Protein backbone atom coordinates (compact mmCIF):
# COMPACT_ATOMS: atom_id res chain seq x y z
CA MET A 1 -0.16 0.26 0.02
CA GLU A 2 1.54 3.39 -0.99
CA SER A 3 1.54 5.73 2.06
CA THR A 4 -0.15 9.23 1.62
CA LEU A 5 2.15 12.05 2.56
CA GLU A 6 1.65 15.40 2.43
CA ILE A 7 3.18 18.88 3.78
CA ILE A 8 0.87 21.73 5.62
CA SER A 9 2.80 24.95 5.40
CA ILE A 10 3.32 26.62 8.16
CA ASP A 11 4.38 30.13 6.67
CA ASP A 12 4.49 31.19 2.98
CA CYS A 13 8.24 32.87 3.20
CA ILE A 14 9.89 29.65 1.55
CA ALA A 15 10.23 31.75 -1.27
CA ILE A 16 12.58 34.49 -0.25
CA GLY A 17 13.59 32.90 3.02
CA ARG A 18 16.19 30.52 4.38
CA ARG A 19 14.32 28.45 6.90
CA GLY A 20 10.77 26.78 6.31
CA ALA A 21 8.26 24.98 8.68
CA GLY A 22 5.56 22.69 7.72
CA PHE A 23 3.62 19.58 9.67
CA LEU A 24 4.14 16.58 7.68
CA ILE A 25 0.82 14.41 7.27
CA PHE A 26 0.94 10.54 7.31
CA PRO A 27 -2.38 9.17 7.98
CA GLU A 28 -0.98 5.43 7.96
CA ASN A 29 1.69 6.46 10.89
CA ARG A 30 -0.13 7.05 13.84
CA PHE A 31 3.04 8.43 15.34
CA VAL A 32 2.75 11.43 13.10
CA ASN A 33 0.04 13.67 15.12
CA ALA A 34 1.30 17.09 14.95
CA TYR A 35 -1.18 18.48 12.70
CA GLU A 36 -4.12 17.04 14.20
CA ASN A 37 -3.46 18.13 17.74
CA PHE A 38 -2.53 21.39 16.76
CA LEU A 39 -5.95 22.01 15.49
CA GLY A 40 -7.13 20.84 19.01
CA LEU A 41 -5.54 23.29 20.75
CA LYS A 42 -7.35 26.29 22.10
CA ILE A 43 -7.10 28.93 19.36
CA SER A 44 -5.20 31.05 21.87
CA ASP A 45 -2.63 28.16 22.37
CA GLN A 46 -2.60 27.79 18.22
CA ASN A 47 -1.87 31.38 17.79
CA ARG A 48 1.07 31.12 20.39
CA MET A 49 2.42 28.34 18.41
CA TRP A 50 2.32 29.94 15.24
CA ASN A 51 4.08 32.77 16.38
CA TYR A 52 6.63 30.19 17.64
CA PHE A 53 6.91 28.67 14.38
CA ARG A 54 7.15 32.26 12.54
CA ARG A 55 9.97 33.74 14.84
CA TRP A 56 12.12 30.53 14.05
CA ILE A 57 11.02 30.98 10.62
CA ALA A 58 12.69 34.47 10.72
CA SER A 59 15.89 33.54 12.70
CA VAL A 60 15.24 35.17 15.79
CA PRO A 61 18.20 34.24 18.31
CA VAL A 62 17.58 31.43 20.35
CA ASP A 63 18.75 33.79 23.74
CA ILE A 64 16.24 36.04 22.16
CA PHE A 65 13.28 33.09 21.74
CA PRO A 66 14.21 30.25 24.21
CA PHE A 67 11.06 28.44 23.07
CA CYS A 68 12.33 25.90 20.75
CA HIS A 69 15.89 23.93 20.36
CA GLY A 70 17.82 20.83 18.33
CA PHE A 71 19.65 18.16 20.15
CA ASP A 72 23.09 18.70 20.26
CA HIS A 73 26.16 15.98 20.07
CA THR A 74 26.34 16.25 23.69
CA GLN A 75 22.66 14.76 23.86
CA TYR A 76 22.22 11.40 23.65
CA SER A 77 25.48 10.65 22.29
CA GLY A 78 24.83 13.19 19.28
CA ARG A 79 22.39 10.52 17.72
CA TYR A 80 19.82 13.18 17.25
CA GLU A 81 21.19 16.10 16.21
CA GLY A 82 18.74 16.44 13.28
CA CYS A 83 15.60 16.51 15.94
CA PHE A 84 14.01 19.73 16.84
CA VAL A 85 11.32 20.66 19.12
CA PHE A 86 9.07 23.53 19.65
CA GLU A 87 8.03 23.96 23.38
CA LYS A 88 4.79 25.86 25.14
CA GLY A 89 4.47 24.93 28.67
CA ASP A 90 3.89 21.32 28.58
CA TYR A 91 3.29 21.23 24.66
CA ARG A 92 5.95 19.67 22.60
CA PHE A 93 5.83 19.84 18.91
CA TYR A 94 8.69 17.43 17.93
CA GLY A 95 10.10 17.60 14.37
CA PHE A 96 13.30 17.31 12.56
CA LEU A 97 15.45 19.46 10.32
CA SER A 98 16.49 19.01 6.65
CA HIS A 99 17.95 20.76 3.77
CA PRO A 100 15.67 19.88 1.28
CA ASP A 101 16.80 22.32 -1.65
CA LEU A 102 19.87 21.15 -3.88
CA ARG A 103 19.61 25.17 -5.43
CA GLU A 104 20.23 26.24 -1.57
CA PRO A 105 22.06 24.04 0.40
CA ARG A 106 21.72 26.84 3.51
CA PHE A 107 17.99 26.85 3.61
CA TYR A 108 16.40 24.94 6.70
CA PHE A 109 13.54 23.07 6.83
CA VAL A 110 11.60 21.84 9.87
CA SER A 111 8.94 18.84 9.41
CA VAL A 112 6.85 18.98 12.55
CA VAL A 113 5.68 15.24 13.08
CA HIS A 114 4.75 14.43 16.73
CA TYR A 115 3.00 16.15 19.68
CA LEU A 116 2.87 15.55 23.11
CA ARG A 117 2.45 16.95 26.61
CA LYS A 118 5.68 16.43 28.24
CA LYS A 119 5.81 15.17 31.82
CA SER A 120 9.22 15.12 32.94
CA TRP A 121 12.27 17.04 32.05
CA ARG A 122 14.47 14.63 29.93
CA THR A 123 12.69 14.11 26.48
CA GLN A 124 11.92 10.02 25.93
CA GLU A 125 14.72 8.65 23.66
CA THR A 126 12.37 6.48 21.72
CA ILE A 127 10.28 9.70 20.39
CA LEU A 128 13.43 10.93 19.16
CA ALA A 129 14.83 7.69 17.86
CA LYS A 130 11.16 7.39 15.67
CA ILE A 131 11.45 11.34 14.62
CA THR A 132 15.32 10.21 13.03
CA GLU A 133 13.64 7.00 11.32
CA LEU A 134 11.09 9.11 9.81
CA SER A 135 13.33 11.71 8.74
CA ARG A 136 15.51 9.10 6.87
CA ARG A 137 12.67 7.75 4.57
CA GLN A 138 13.01 8.15 1.08
CA ASP A 139 8.85 8.81 0.67
CA VAL A 140 9.23 11.32 3.30
CA LYS A 141 12.09 13.30 1.63
CA GLU A 142 10.69 12.76 -1.63
CA THR A 143 7.66 14.79 -0.23
CA ILE A 144 9.73 17.41 1.52
CA GLY A 145 11.45 18.09 -2.01
CA ARG A 146 7.94 18.08 -3.82
CA PHE A 147 6.72 20.55 -1.48
CA ILE A 148 9.26 22.91 -1.62
CA GLU A 149 9.79 22.85 -5.45
CA GLN A 150 6.08 23.67 -5.61
CA LYS A 151 6.13 26.36 -3.00
CA ARG A 152 9.44 28.06 -4.76
CA SER A 153 7.38 27.65 -8.25
CA GLY A 154 4.65 29.67 -6.84
CA VAL A 155 2.07 26.52 -6.94
């Protein structure tokens, strides 16, 4: 069975910016739940999260905007350096970073894939492992690449 993958854009600055973001939609994979849970938030929390996504896209420095972060080489022995999280209170929207635009290798795209309400300080490693596994799938990479091409061409 062929998977039904798509990206829902978080902002339309892809055509001119160095960063972009989108929710990965993958109905056959229950782990990929970020968008449906985002829609279930109160409108005020949705607006706050949109603001967080847009600030990351606009490259607001992390010391000014501490509501998102990646995982560096000192965490989990460096296995999840491509993972990323946006935070608001105990809400967590996890995703992964990629460079999907071959014409602009400095362009970053974050694919937001998983939501949870975090109950402990440390992120569960199984979540990061699943996100990393998703990020390596060829069909996921191709879906992101097509999305970027469509955005760049104005579709």
